[in-house]
N, C-alpha and C. Protein backbone atom coordinates (compact mmCIF):
# COMPACT_ATOMS: atom_id res chain seq x y z
N MET A 1 1.27 -1.45 -0.46
CA MET A 1 -0.34 0.31 -0.46
C MET A 1 0.92 1.01 -0.42
N LEU A 2 2.06 1.04 0.89
CA LEU A 2 3.01 2.39 0.53
C LEU A 2 3.34 3.15 -0.74
N ASN A 3 3.71 1.78 -1.18
CA ASN A 3 4.34 2.50 -2.77
C ASN A 3 3.19 3.06 -3.69
N ASP A 4 1.45 2.40 -3.32
CA ASP A 4 0.12 2.79 -4.46
C ASP A 4 0.41 4.20 -4.20
N ASN A 5 1.06 5.29 -5.00
CA ASN A 5 0.25 6.40 -4.99
C ASN A 5 -1.20 6.45 -5.15
N ASP A 6 -1.73 6.01 -6.33
CA ASP A 6 -2.87 6.38 -6.42
C ASP A 6 -3.90 5.82 -5.58
N ARG A 7 -3.89 4.95 -5.02
CA ARG A 7 -4.82 4.01 -3.74
C ARG A 7 -4.47 5.14 -2.24
N CYS A 8 -3.26 5.23 -1.99
CA CYS A 8 -3.26 6.58 -1.11
C CYS A 8 -3.76 7.66 -1.26
N ALA A 9 -3.79 8.58 -2.20
CA ALA A 9 -4.52 9.72 -2.78
C ALA A 9 -5.81 9.50 -2.52
N LYS A 10 -6.48 9.10 -3.03
CA LYS A 10 -7.69 7.64 -3.49
C LYS A 10 -7.80 7.88 -1.18
N TYR A 11 -7.70 7.37 -0.87
CA TYR A 11 -7.60 7.46 0.90
C TYR A 11 -7.61 8.44 1.40
N ALA A 12 -6.41 9.27 0.92
CA ALA A 12 -6.42 11.20 1.03
C ALA A 12 -7.56 12.01 0.90
N GLU A 13 -8.04 11.64 -0.02
CA GLU A 13 -9.79 12.21 -0.81
C GLU A 13 -10.10 11.92 0.19
N ALA A 14 -10.78 10.41 0.23
CA ALA A 14 -12.00 9.99 1.03
C ALA A 14 -11.69 10.93 2.32
N LEU A 15 -10.84 10.47 2.79
CA LEU A 15 -11.23 11.04 4.13
C LEU A 15 -10.96 12.51 4.72
N SER A 16 -10.61 13.21 3.63
CA SER A 16 -10.97 14.74 3.25
C SER A 16 -12.49 14.92 3.67
N ARG A 17 -13.01 14.52 2.40
CA ARG A 17 -14.50 14.23 2.13
C ARG A 17 -15.02 14.41 3.41
N ALA A 18 -14.89 13.09 4.57
CA ALA A 18 -15.27 12.32 5.09
C ALA A 18 -15.38 13.80 6.18
N LEU A 19 -14.07 14.13 6.89
CA LEU A 19 -13.43 14.86 6.87
C LEU A 19 -14.49 16.18 7.38
N GLN A 20 -14.26 16.95 6.54
CA GLN A 20 -14.87 17.81 5.98
C GLN A 20 -15.95 17.65 6.57
N LYS A 21 -16.96 17.50 6.33
CA LYS A 21 -18.63 17.26 6.71
C LYS A 21 -18.44 16.75 8.24
N ARG A 22 -17.90 16.66 9.20
CA ARG A 22 -18.03 16.39 10.23
C ARG A 22 -16.13 16.69 10.72
N PRO A 23 -15.83 17.96 10.60
CA PRO A 23 -15.10 18.31 11.68
C PRO A 23 -15.17 18.32 12.80
N GLU A 24 -13.55 17.67 13.11
CA GLU A 24 -13.22 17.76 14.80
C GLU A 24 -13.97 16.28 14.92
N SER A 25 -13.79 15.07 14.24
CA SER A 25 -14.38 14.07 14.22
C SER A 25 -13.17 13.39 15.32
N ARG A 26 -13.58 12.27 16.06
CA ARG A 26 -12.19 10.99 16.79
C ARG A 26 -12.80 10.03 15.62
N VAL A 27 -11.43 9.83 14.89
CA VAL A 27 -11.06 8.29 13.75
C VAL A 27 -11.26 7.19 14.71
N LEU A 28 -10.92 6.04 14.42
CA LEU A 28 -10.59 4.64 15.00
C LEU A 28 -9.87 4.37 13.59
N ASP A 29 -8.77 3.93 13.71
CA ASP A 29 -8.07 3.43 11.96
C ASP A 29 -7.47 2.44 13.10
N ILE A 30 -7.91 0.76 12.50
CA ILE A 30 -7.81 -0.65 12.94
C ILE A 30 -7.05 -1.15 12.08
N GLY A 31 -5.70 -1.78 12.33
CA GLY A 31 -4.66 -2.40 11.52
C GLY A 31 -3.94 -1.39 10.63
N THR A 32 -3.62 -0.80 11.82
CA THR A 32 -2.69 0.93 11.45
C THR A 32 -1.10 0.37 10.68
N GLY A 33 -0.94 -0.47 10.73
CA GLY A 33 0.33 -0.83 10.08
C GLY A 33 1.89 0.17 10.48
N THR A 34 1.56 1.07 9.78
CA THR A 34 2.61 2.27 9.25
C THR A 34 1.86 3.32 10.24
N GLY A 35 0.80 3.36 10.62
CA GLY A 35 0.84 4.29 10.83
C GLY A 35 0.24 5.42 10.28
N LEU A 36 -0.03 4.79 8.03
CA LEU A 36 0.31 6.00 7.05
C LEU A 36 -1.78 6.34 7.02
N LEU A 37 -2.37 5.80 7.24
CA LEU A 37 -4.15 6.25 7.11
C LEU A 37 -4.50 6.71 8.57
N ALA A 38 -3.65 6.85 9.42
CA ALA A 38 -4.09 7.36 10.61
C ALA A 38 -3.55 9.05 10.74
N MET A 39 -1.96 9.47 10.10
CA MET A 39 -1.26 10.68 9.81
C MET A 39 -2.44 11.33 8.96
N LEU A 40 -3.33 10.42 7.57
CA LEU A 40 -3.70 10.89 6.89
C LEU A 40 -5.21 11.76 7.12
N ALA A 41 -5.52 10.94 7.52
CA ALA A 41 -6.69 11.39 8.89
C ALA A 41 -6.63 12.21 9.45
N ALA A 42 -5.88 12.02 10.02
CA ALA A 42 -4.99 13.61 10.96
C ALA A 42 -4.75 14.53 10.58
N ARG A 43 -4.46 15.10 9.55
CA ARG A 43 -4.00 15.78 8.45
C ARG A 43 -5.38 16.76 7.63
N ALA A 44 -6.18 15.45 7.58
CA ALA A 44 -7.27 15.96 6.81
C ALA A 44 -8.15 16.30 7.81
N GLY A 45 -7.87 16.75 9.49
CA GLY A 45 -9.26 17.27 10.15
C GLY A 45 -9.14 16.68 11.73
N ALA A 46 -9.18 15.49 11.81
CA ALA A 46 -9.58 14.49 12.80
C ALA A 46 -9.12 15.20 13.79
N LYS A 47 -10.09 15.29 15.01
CA LYS A 47 -9.22 15.61 16.04
C LYS A 47 -8.39 14.88 17.17
N HIS A 48 -8.55 13.34 16.93
CA HIS A 48 -7.46 12.81 17.44
C HIS A 48 -8.11 11.86 16.65
N VAL A 49 -7.38 10.52 16.14
CA VAL A 49 -7.18 9.33 15.86
C VAL A 49 -6.74 7.90 17.05
N ASP A 50 -7.16 7.12 17.07
CA ASP A 50 -6.58 6.36 17.68
C ASP A 50 -6.81 4.90 16.43
N ALA A 51 -5.33 4.70 16.61
CA ALA A 51 -5.03 3.77 15.62
C ALA A 51 -4.37 2.32 16.76
N VAL A 52 -5.22 1.14 16.28
CA VAL A 52 -4.90 -0.09 17.07
C VAL A 52 -4.33 -0.59 15.77
N GLU A 53 -2.94 -2.01 16.46
CA GLU A 53 -2.36 -3.11 15.56
C GLU A 53 -1.46 -3.38 16.74
N LEU A 54 -1.95 -5.08 16.37
CA LEU A 54 -2.11 -6.05 17.06
C LEU A 54 -1.17 -6.95 16.76
N PHE A 55 0.19 -6.60 15.88
CA PHE A 55 1.95 -6.83 15.63
C PHE A 55 2.04 -5.74 16.63
N GLN A 56 3.14 -6.24 17.29
CA GLN A 56 3.81 -5.34 18.37
C GLN A 56 4.98 -4.02 17.48
N PRO A 57 5.78 -5.38 17.00
CA PRO A 57 6.52 -4.95 16.05
C PRO A 57 6.13 -3.72 15.19
N LEU A 58 4.78 -4.01 14.37
CA LEU A 58 4.33 -2.36 13.57
C LEU A 58 3.92 -1.51 14.36
N ALA A 59 3.20 -2.50 15.43
CA ALA A 59 2.69 -0.62 16.67
C ALA A 59 3.87 0.05 16.83
N ASN A 60 4.79 -1.01 17.23
CA ASN A 60 6.27 0.50 17.19
C ASN A 60 6.69 1.50 16.45
N LEU A 61 6.52 0.88 14.99
CA LEU A 61 6.94 1.30 14.12
C LEU A 61 6.14 2.31 13.94
N ALA A 62 4.66 2.03 13.99
CA ALA A 62 3.52 3.29 14.11
C ALA A 62 4.08 4.09 14.59
N THR A 63 3.94 4.41 15.68
CA THR A 63 4.76 4.77 16.97
C THR A 63 5.83 5.91 16.99
N ARG A 64 6.58 5.06 16.03
CA ARG A 64 7.79 5.35 15.56
C ARG A 64 7.86 6.83 15.02
N VAL A 65 6.92 6.71 13.55
CA VAL A 65 6.32 7.24 12.19
C VAL A 65 5.43 8.45 12.66
N VAL A 66 5.02 8.23 13.56
CA VAL A 66 4.12 9.31 14.13
C VAL A 66 4.56 10.06 14.84
N GLU A 67 5.88 9.61 15.51
CA GLU A 67 6.84 11.21 16.51
C GLU A 67 7.29 11.74 15.62
N GLU A 68 8.43 10.92 14.53
CA GLU A 68 9.21 11.30 13.66
C GLU A 68 8.27 12.73 12.73
N ASN A 69 6.69 12.25 12.29
CA ASN A 69 6.34 13.30 11.82
C ASN A 69 5.67 14.34 12.58
N GLN A 70 5.80 13.63 13.90
CA GLN A 70 5.22 15.12 14.26
C GLN A 70 4.07 15.06 14.88
N MET A 71 2.99 13.84 14.78
CA MET A 71 1.99 14.15 15.13
C MET A 71 1.03 12.86 16.40
N GLN A 72 2.49 13.10 17.65
CA GLN A 72 2.24 12.15 18.46
C GLN A 72 0.63 12.89 19.13
N ASP A 73 0.41 14.34 18.76
CA ASP A 73 -0.60 15.12 19.94
C ASP A 73 -2.52 14.10 19.43
N LYS A 74 -2.09 14.26 18.43
CA LYS A 74 -3.17 13.99 17.37
C LYS A 74 -3.40 12.34 17.66
N ILE A 75 -2.55 11.82 17.33
CA ILE A 75 -2.81 9.94 16.66
C ILE A 75 -2.40 9.73 18.15
N SER A 76 -2.88 8.29 18.77
CA SER A 76 -2.17 7.81 19.46
C SER A 76 -2.23 6.06 19.22
N VAL A 77 -1.86 5.32 19.75
CA VAL A 77 -1.26 4.09 18.86
C VAL A 77 -1.67 2.97 20.06
N HIS A 78 -2.57 2.19 20.36
CA HIS A 78 -2.51 0.66 20.87
C HIS A 78 -2.43 -0.03 20.53
N VAL A 79 -1.84 -1.34 21.13
CA VAL A 79 -1.59 -2.53 20.85
C VAL A 79 -2.27 -3.37 21.39
N GLY A 80 -3.03 -4.46 20.61
CA GLY A 80 -4.18 -5.19 21.13
C GLY A 80 -5.06 -5.43 19.89
N ALA A 81 -5.49 -6.63 19.55
CA ALA A 81 -6.64 -6.60 18.79
C ALA A 81 -7.53 -5.62 18.67
N SER A 82 -8.35 -5.56 18.21
CA SER A 82 -9.18 -4.18 18.20
C SER A 82 -10.35 -4.51 18.15
N THR A 83 -10.92 -5.91 18.31
CA THR A 83 -12.17 -6.45 19.11
C THR A 83 -11.79 -6.62 20.29
N ASP A 84 -10.76 -6.62 21.07
CA ASP A 84 -10.15 -6.39 22.31
C ASP A 84 -10.69 -5.12 23.34
N PHE A 85 -11.08 -3.68 22.12
CA PHE A 85 -10.73 -2.90 23.10
C PHE A 85 -12.35 -2.70 22.34
N HIS A 86 -12.95 -1.44 23.19
CA HIS A 86 -14.51 -0.72 23.00
C HIS A 86 -14.44 0.25 24.72
N ALA A 87 -14.96 1.25 24.20
CA ALA A 87 -15.87 2.69 23.80
C ALA A 87 -15.83 2.80 24.98
N PRO A 88 -15.45 3.61 26.24
CA PRO A 88 -15.96 4.06 27.94
C PRO A 88 -17.18 3.88 28.00
N GLN A 89 -18.12 3.87 27.29
CA GLN A 89 -19.63 3.71 28.29
C GLN A 89 -20.22 2.61 27.62
N ASP A 90 -19.14 1.86 26.98
CA ASP A 90 -20.06 -0.17 26.51
C ASP A 90 -19.79 -0.67 27.50
N ASP A 91 -20.55 -1.78 28.16
CA ASP A 91 -20.75 -2.07 28.53
C ASP A 91 -19.38 -3.26 28.04
N PHE A 92 -18.66 -3.98 29.10
CA PHE A 92 -17.53 -4.51 28.52
C PHE A 92 -16.63 -5.27 29.41
N GLN A 93 -16.09 -6.42 29.57
CA GLN A 93 -15.12 -7.87 30.08
C GLN A 93 -13.88 -7.18 31.10
N ALA A 94 -13.91 -7.37 32.26
CA ALA A 94 -12.67 -6.58 32.51
C ALA A 94 -11.06 -6.81 31.56
N LYS A 95 -10.87 -8.02 30.94
CA LYS A 95 -9.66 -7.95 30.56
C LYS A 95 -9.89 -7.04 28.84
N ASP A 96 -11.02 -7.02 28.35
CA ASP A 96 -10.84 -5.78 27.23
C ASP A 96 -10.28 -4.21 27.97
N LEU A 97 -10.03 -3.72 26.75
CA LEU A 97 -9.16 -2.11 27.43
C LEU A 97 -10.55 -1.58 26.43
N ALA A 98 -10.16 0.14 27.25
CA ALA A 98 -11.41 0.27 26.71
C ALA A 98 -10.37 1.48 25.69
N LEU A 99 -10.82 2.64 24.72
CA LEU A 99 -10.23 3.42 23.90
C LEU A 99 -10.55 4.96 24.86
N PRO A 100 -9.85 5.97 24.58
CA PRO A 100 -10.29 7.35 25.74
C PRO A 100 -12.36 7.71 25.33
N LYS A 101 -12.61 7.68 23.87
CA LYS A 101 -13.88 8.27 23.55
C LYS A 101 -13.87 7.11 22.13
N ARG A 102 -15.66 7.17 22.08
CA ARG A 102 -15.71 6.40 21.23
C ARG A 102 -15.60 7.04 19.78
N ALA A 103 -15.20 6.30 18.99
CA ALA A 103 -14.84 7.15 17.10
C ALA A 103 -15.95 7.31 16.25
N ASP A 104 -16.24 8.58 15.68
CA ASP A 104 -17.54 8.77 14.94
C ASP A 104 -16.81 8.53 13.95
N ALA A 105 -15.45 7.80 12.95
CA ALA A 105 -15.42 7.66 11.97
C ALA A 105 -14.67 6.56 11.98
N LEU A 106 -14.34 5.49 11.14
CA LEU A 106 -13.51 4.41 10.95
C LEU A 106 -13.03 4.42 9.38
N VAL A 107 -11.52 3.77 9.60
CA VAL A 107 -10.65 3.68 8.55
C VAL A 107 -9.49 2.50 8.51
N THR A 108 -9.93 2.18 7.82
CA THR A 108 -8.96 0.46 7.89
C THR A 108 -9.15 -0.19 6.65
N GLU A 109 -7.61 -0.66 6.39
CA GLU A 109 -6.74 -1.45 5.02
C GLU A 109 -6.75 -2.30 5.67
N VAL A 110 -7.18 -3.70 5.83
CA VAL A 110 -7.42 -5.50 6.44
C VAL A 110 -7.70 -5.52 5.57
N PHE A 111 -7.48 -5.73 4.56
CA PHE A 111 -8.06 -7.08 3.29
C PHE A 111 -6.67 -7.42 2.93
N ASP A 112 -6.56 -8.92 2.67
CA ASP A 112 -5.78 -9.19 1.46
C ASP A 112 -6.20 -9.88 0.42
N SER A 113 -5.81 -10.79 -0.19
CA SER A 113 -5.87 -11.17 -1.62
C SER A 113 -7.88 -12.74 -0.76
N ALA A 114 -7.20 -12.86 -0.14
CA ALA A 114 -8.38 -13.97 0.22
C ALA A 114 -9.53 -13.45 1.10
N LEU A 115 -9.67 -11.84 0.99
CA LEU A 115 -11.02 -10.96 1.72
C LEU A 115 -11.23 -11.21 2.56
N LEU A 116 -11.62 -12.78 3.09
CA LEU A 116 -12.36 -12.79 4.39
C LEU A 116 -11.10 -13.10 5.27
N ARG A 117 -9.53 -13.36 5.51
CA ARG A 117 -8.89 -14.36 6.49
C ARG A 117 -8.44 -12.73 6.93
N GLU A 118 -8.07 -11.86 7.29
CA GLU A 118 -8.02 -11.22 8.41
C GLU A 118 -9.65 -10.63 9.38
N ASN A 119 -10.54 -11.74 8.70
CA ASN A 119 -11.53 -11.69 9.92
C ASN A 119 -12.23 -9.84 9.53
N CYS A 120 -12.40 -9.75 8.43
CA CYS A 120 -12.57 -8.11 8.26
C CYS A 120 -14.33 -7.91 8.75
N LEU A 121 -14.91 -8.96 8.38
CA LEU A 121 -16.44 -8.87 8.04
C LEU A 121 -16.98 -8.54 10.66
N GLU A 122 -15.93 -9.05 11.04
CA GLU A 122 -16.51 -9.34 12.15
C GLU A 122 -15.48 -7.83 12.87
N THR A 123 -14.20 -7.55 12.07
CA THR A 123 -13.53 -6.76 12.88
C THR A 123 -14.12 -5.61 12.26
N ILE A 124 -15.22 -4.99 11.40
CA ILE A 124 -15.97 -3.72 11.14
C ILE A 124 -17.31 -4.11 12.35
N SER A 125 -17.81 -5.15 11.78
CA SER A 125 -19.41 -5.45 12.83
C SER A 125 -18.87 -5.24 14.43
N HIS A 126 -17.96 -5.08 14.74
CA HIS A 126 -17.67 -5.26 15.86
C HIS A 126 -17.21 -3.51 16.92
N ALA A 127 -16.40 -3.39 15.48
CA ALA A 127 -16.10 -0.71 15.48
C ALA A 127 -17.47 -0.12 15.56
């Protein structure tokens, strides 16, 4: 995805359009990877982005990339499965993790060549 300029431009355009309609929205980025979509959302006007990444080394990389782009005030990287996170006002189990606030918008790019292998339907339905 990082080298696909057309794809990245379309994500940036879509985020910009969505966030122009709802300025100051809080965004949830599931499967943040390097943090690219989180940073696009922040640049497009998101009030804050909660970026969730299951794989610890990628979460560490995303944190570093966010810091190097001086966006740590607008983006928080969280480690874990997105289905283990809940908004504070939701009912959740003691083992679950609470995000600071409920998101207004979702951005994700968790699709692979098999489409459903990364539990896309469950993940998006939960979000």
